[in-house]
């Protein structure tokens, strides 16, 4: 009976922990850091959507590429609006690597124009930075 009672208490504690985690504004990342859930969601959206856009071939599937690029652009805009220069996350490696990827992307399109086709070496570098950021999210 005592073992059943202890199991019941443990079950209640884990249920309570689950409920409390819903209300906790922070989340523990894969790397064990506690970061704001809203930052993690925004950063994950940027990684996912930008990766999808970069992996589309604009020459073969222009419409799908444009749709993916617009989704990525919206995710990036939302992310930058809330998190650019945020003291809360700017020391995090995920933030720094994501910022690097976004700077590379912006720099390329600034120099080459908005309709330029990105060379594979730049695309690979950005994709690698996205993977590095994702590993910390």
C-alpha atoms as a PDB file:
ATOM      1  CA  UNK A   1       0.000   0.000   0.000  1.00  0.00           C
ATOM      2  CA  UNK A   2       2.886   2.336   0.821  1.00  0.00           C
ATOM      3  CA  UNK A   3       4.479   1.784  -2.609  1.00  0.00           C
ATOM      4  CA  UNK A   4       1.149   2.566  -4.272  1.00  0.00           C
ATOM      5  CA  UNK A   5       0.832   5.764  -2.234  1.00  0.00           C
ATOM      6  CA  UNK A   6       4.370   6.860  -3.195  1.00  0.00           C
ATOM      7  CA  UNK A   7       3.662   6.092  -6.863  1.00  0.00           C
ATOM      8  CA  UNK A   8       0.473   8.137  -6.634  1.00  0.00           C
ATOM      9  CA  UNK A   9       2.357  11.088  -5.101  1.00  0.00           C
ATOM     10  CA  UNK A  10       5.036  10.901  -7.832  1.00  0.00           C
ATOM     11  CA  UNK A  11       2.321  10.801 -10.504  1.00  0.00           C
ATOM     12  CA  UNK A  12       0.657  13.886  -8.991  1.00  0.00           C
ATOM     13  CA  UNK A  13       4.013  15.701  -8.836  1.00  0.00           C
ATOM     14  CA  UNK A  14       4.783  14.962 -12.484  1.00  0.00           C
ATOM     15  CA  UNK A  15       1.284  16.085 -13.460  1.00  0.00           C
ATOM     16  CA  UNK A  16       1.788  19.309 -11.495  1.00  0.00           C
ATOM     17  CA  UNK A  17       5.203  19.827 -13.147  1.00  0.00           C
ATOM     18  CA  UNK A  18       3.552  19.378 -16.548  1.00  0.00           C
ATOM     19  CA  UNK A  19       0.859  21.934 -15.737  1.00  0.00           C
ATOM     20  CA  UNK A  20       3.386  24.425 -14.359  1.00  0.00           C
ATOM     21  CA  UNK A  21       5.606  24.063 -17.437  1.00  0.00           C
ATOM     22  CA  UNK A  22       2.703  25.267 -19.593  1.00  0.00           C
ATOM     23  CA  UNK A  23       2.695  28.532 -17.646  1.00  0.00           C
ATOM     24  CA  UNK A  24       6.483  28.876 -17.483  1.00  0.00           C
ATOM     25  CA  UNK A  25       7.590  31.540 -20.003  1.00  0.00           C
ATOM     26  CA  UNK A  26      10.900  29.707 -20.435  1.00  0.00           C
ATOM     27  CA  UNK A  27      11.836  26.379 -21.967  1.00  0.00           C
ATOM     28  CA  UNK A  28      14.929  24.250 -21.558  1.00  0.00           C
ATOM     29  CA  UNK A  29      16.765  23.843 -24.867  1.00  0.00           C
ATOM     30  CA  UNK A  30      18.535  20.765 -26.250  1.00  0.00           C
ATOM     31  CA  UNK A  31      21.763  22.247 -24.898  1.00  0.00           C
ATOM     32  CA  UNK A  32      20.243  22.637 -21.410  1.00  0.00           C
ATOM     33  CA  UNK A  33      19.787  26.434 -21.399  1.00  0.00           C
ATOM     34  CA  UNK A  34      16.576  28.076 -20.216  1.00  0.00           C
ATOM     35  CA  UNK A  35      15.383  30.552 -22.833  1.00  0.00           C
ATOM     36  CA  UNK A  36      12.082  32.331 -23.502  1.00  0.00           C
ATOM     37  CA  UNK A  37       9.596  30.087 -25.304  1.00  0.00           C
ATOM     38  CA  UNK A  38       8.672  32.936 -27.650  1.00  0.00           C
ATOM     39  CA  UNK A  39      12.334  33.349 -28.666  1.00  0.00           C
ATOM     40  CA  UNK A  40      12.716  29.625 -29.276  1.00  0.00           C
ATOM     41  CA  UNK A  41       9.549  29.490 -31.373  1.00  0.00           C
ATOM     42  CA  UNK A  42      10.576  32.513 -33.452  1.00  0.00           C
ATOM     43  CA  UNK A  43      14.128  31.234 -33.965  1.00  0.00           C
ATOM     44  CA  UNK A  44      12.929  27.720 -34.864  1.00  0.00           C
ATOM     45  CA  UNK A  45      10.481  29.198 -37.385  1.00  0.00           C
ATOM     46  CA  UNK A  46      13.283  31.199 -39.016  1.00  0.00           C
ATOM     47  CA  UNK A  47      15.525  28.131 -39.221  1.00  0.00           C
ATOM     48  CA  UNK A  48      12.763  25.913 -40.639  1.00  0.00           C
ATOM     49  CA  UNK A  49      11.359  28.419 -43.135  1.00  0.00           C
ATOM     50  CA  UNK A  50      14.683  29.803 -44.340  1.00  0.00           C
ATOM     51  CA  UNK A  51      16.053  26.280 -44.803  1.00  0.00           C
ATOM     52  CA  UNK A  52      12.986  25.322 -46.866  1.00  0.00           C
ATOM     53  CA  UNK A  53      13.383  28.418 -49.050  1.00  0.00           C
ATOM     54  CA  UNK A  54      17.102  27.861 -49.612  1.00  0.00           C
ATOM     55  CA  UNK A  55      16.542  24.233 -50.569  1.00  0.00           C
ATOM     56  CA  UNK A  56      14.055  25.109 -53.325  1.00  0.00           C
ATOM     57  CA  UNK A  57      15.443  25.569 -56.830  1.00  0.00           C
ATOM     58  CA  UNK A  58      14.092  28.877 -58.192  1.00  0.00           C
ATOM     59  CA  UNK A  59      14.785  27.775 -61.779  1.00  0.00           C
ATOM     60  CA  UNK A  60      12.739  24.563 -61.479  1.00  0.00           C
ATOM     61  CA  UNK A  61       9.968  25.516 -59.045  1.00  0.00           C
ATOM     62  CA  UNK A  62       9.716  29.285 -59.094  1.00  0.00           C
ATOM     63  CA  UNK A  63       6.219  29.468 -57.566  1.00  0.00           C
ATOM     64  CA  UNK A  64       7.119  27.144 -54.667  1.00  0.00           C
ATOM     65  CA  UNK A  65      10.375  29.029 -54.184  1.00  0.00           C
ATOM     66  CA  UNK A  66       8.552  32.394 -53.998  1.00  0.00           C
ATOM     67  CA  UNK A  67       6.031  31.016 -51.493  1.00  0.00           C
ATOM     68  CA  UNK A  68       8.796  29.547 -49.324  1.00  0.00           C
ATOM     69  CA  UNK A  69      10.817  32.768 -49.584  1.00  0.00           C
ATOM     70  CA  UNK A  70       7.815  34.872 -48.524  1.00  0.00           C
ATOM     71  CA  UNK A  71       7.163  32.595 -45.546  1.00  0.00           C
ATOM     72  CA  UNK A  72      10.842  32.842 -44.570  1.00  0.00           C
ATOM     73  CA  UNK A  73      10.764  36.628 -44.975  1.00  0.00           C
ATOM     74  CA  UNK A  74       7.744  36.871 -42.659  1.00  0.00           C
ATOM     75  CA  UNK A  75       9.443  34.646 -40.053  1.00  0.00           C
ATOM     76  CA  UNK A  76      12.634  36.704 -40.226  1.00  0.00           C
ATOM     77  CA  UNK A  77      10.722  39.976 -39.895  1.00  0.00           C
ATOM     78  CA  UNK A  78       8.820  38.678 -36.853  1.00  0.00           C
ATOM     79  CA  UNK A  79      12.029  37.360 -35.270  1.00  0.00           C
ATOM     80  CA  UNK A  80      13.954  40.599 -35.822  1.00  0.00           C
ATOM     81  CA  UNK A  81      11.085  42.783 -34.615  1.00  0.00           C
ATOM     82  CA  UNK A  82      11.042  41.079 -31.233  1.00  0.00           C
ATOM     83  CA  UNK A  83      14.581  39.771 -30.716  1.00  0.00           C
ATOM     84  CA  UNK A  84      17.090  41.956 -32.584  1.00  0.00           C
ATOM     85  CA  UNK A  85      19.580  43.326 -30.024  1.00  0.00           C
ATOM     86  CA  UNK A  86      17.572  41.788 -27.171  1.00  0.00           C
ATOM     87  CA  UNK A  87      19.788  41.649 -24.099  1.00  0.00           C
ATOM     88  CA  UNK A  88      17.759  38.646 -22.960  1.00  0.00           C
ATOM     89  CA  UNK A  89      19.163  36.390 -25.724  1.00  0.00           C
ATOM     90  CA  UNK A  90      22.007  38.148 -27.544  1.00  0.00           C
ATOM     91  CA  UNK A  91      24.690  36.265 -25.593  1.00  0.00           C
ATOM     92  CA  UNK A  92      23.253  32.909 -26.701  1.00  0.00           C
ATOM     93  CA  UNK A  93      25.143  31.048 -29.407  1.00  0.00           C
ATOM     94  CA  UNK A  94      21.881  30.286 -31.248  1.00  0.00           C
ATOM     95  CA  UNK A  95      21.201  34.027 -31.489  1.00  0.00           C
ATOM     96  CA  UNK A  96      24.731  34.816 -32.670  1.00  0.00           C
ATOM     97  CA  UNK A  97      24.811  32.085 -35.321  1.00  0.00           C
ATOM     98  CA  UNK A  98      21.326  32.963 -36.554  1.00  0.00           C
ATOM     99  CA  UNK A  99      22.350  36.617 -36.748  1.00  0.00           C
ATOM    100  CA  UNK A 100      25.385  35.589 -38.807  1.00  0.00           C
ATOM    101  CA  UNK A 101      23.189  33.608 -41.228  1.00  0.00           C
ATOM    102  CA  UNK A 102      20.777  36.532 -41.603  1.00  0.00           C
ATOM    103  CA  UNK A 103      23.656  38.958 -42.208  1.00  0.00           C
ATOM    104  CA  UNK A 104      25.038  36.662 -44.935  1.00  0.00           C
ATOM    105  CA  UNK A 105      21.607  36.467 -46.537  1.00  0.00           C
ATOM    106  CA  UNK A 106      21.074  40.226 -46.362  1.00  0.00           C
ATOM    107  CA  UNK A 107      24.559  40.999 -47.617  1.00  0.00           C
ATOM    108  CA  UNK A 108      24.135  38.730 -50.638  1.00  0.00           C
ATOM    109  CA  UNK A 109      20.804  40.236 -51.699  1.00  0.00           C
ATOM    110  CA  UNK A 110      22.011  43.772 -51.001  1.00  0.00           C
ATOM    111  CA  UNK A 111      24.964  43.280 -53.369  1.00  0.00           C
ATOM    112  CA  UNK A 112      23.252  41.105 -55.974  1.00  0.00           C
ATOM    113  CA  UNK A 113      19.673  42.352 -55.990  1.00  0.00           C
ATOM    114  CA  UNK A 114      16.421  40.770 -54.785  1.00  0.00           C
ATOM    115  CA  UNK A 115      15.997  38.396 -57.740  1.00  0.00           C
ATOM    116  CA  UNK A 116      19.569  37.072 -57.886  1.00  0.00           C
ATOM    117  CA  UNK A 117      20.147  33.325 -57.734  1.00  0.00           C
ATOM    118  CA  UNK A 118      22.287  32.479 -54.730  1.00  0.00           C
ATOM    119  CA  UNK A 119      25.508  30.551 -55.438  1.00  0.00           C
ATOM    120  CA  UNK A 120      25.838  27.130 -53.807  1.00  0.00           C
ATOM    121  CA  UNK A 121      28.800  28.126 -51.610  1.00  0.00           C
ATOM    122  CA  UNK A 122      26.884  30.972 -49.943  1.00  0.00           C
ATOM    123  CA  UNK A 123      23.774  28.808 -49.679  1.00  0.00           C
ATOM    124  CA  UNK A 124      25.807  26.015 -48.024  1.00  0.00           C
ATOM    125  CA  UNK A 125      27.365  28.428 -45.552  1.00  0.00           C
ATOM    126  CA  UNK A 126      23.969  29.813 -44.543  1.00  0.00           C
ATOM    127  CA  UNK A 127      22.492  26.303 -44.260  1.00  0.00           C
ATOM    128  CA  UNK A 128      25.416  25.273 -42.044  1.00  0.00           C
ATOM    129  CA  UNK A 129      24.802  28.280 -39.784  1.00  0.00           C
ATOM    130  CA  UNK A 130      21.105  27.375 -39.606  1.00  0.00           C
ATOM    131  CA  UNK A 131      22.034  23.829 -38.546  1.00  0.00           C
ATOM    132  CA  UNK A 132      24.399  25.193 -35.898  1.00  0.00           C
ATOM    133  CA  UNK A 133      21.681  27.486 -34.539  1.00  0.00           C
ATOM    134  CA  UNK A 134      19.145  24.662 -34.555  1.00  0.00           C
ATOM    135  CA  UNK A 135      21.485  22.482 -32.483  1.00  0.00           C
ATOM    136  CA  UNK A 136      21.248  25.061 -29.678  1.00  0.00           C
ATOM    137  CA  UNK A 137      17.506  25.491 -29.893  1.00  0.00           C
END
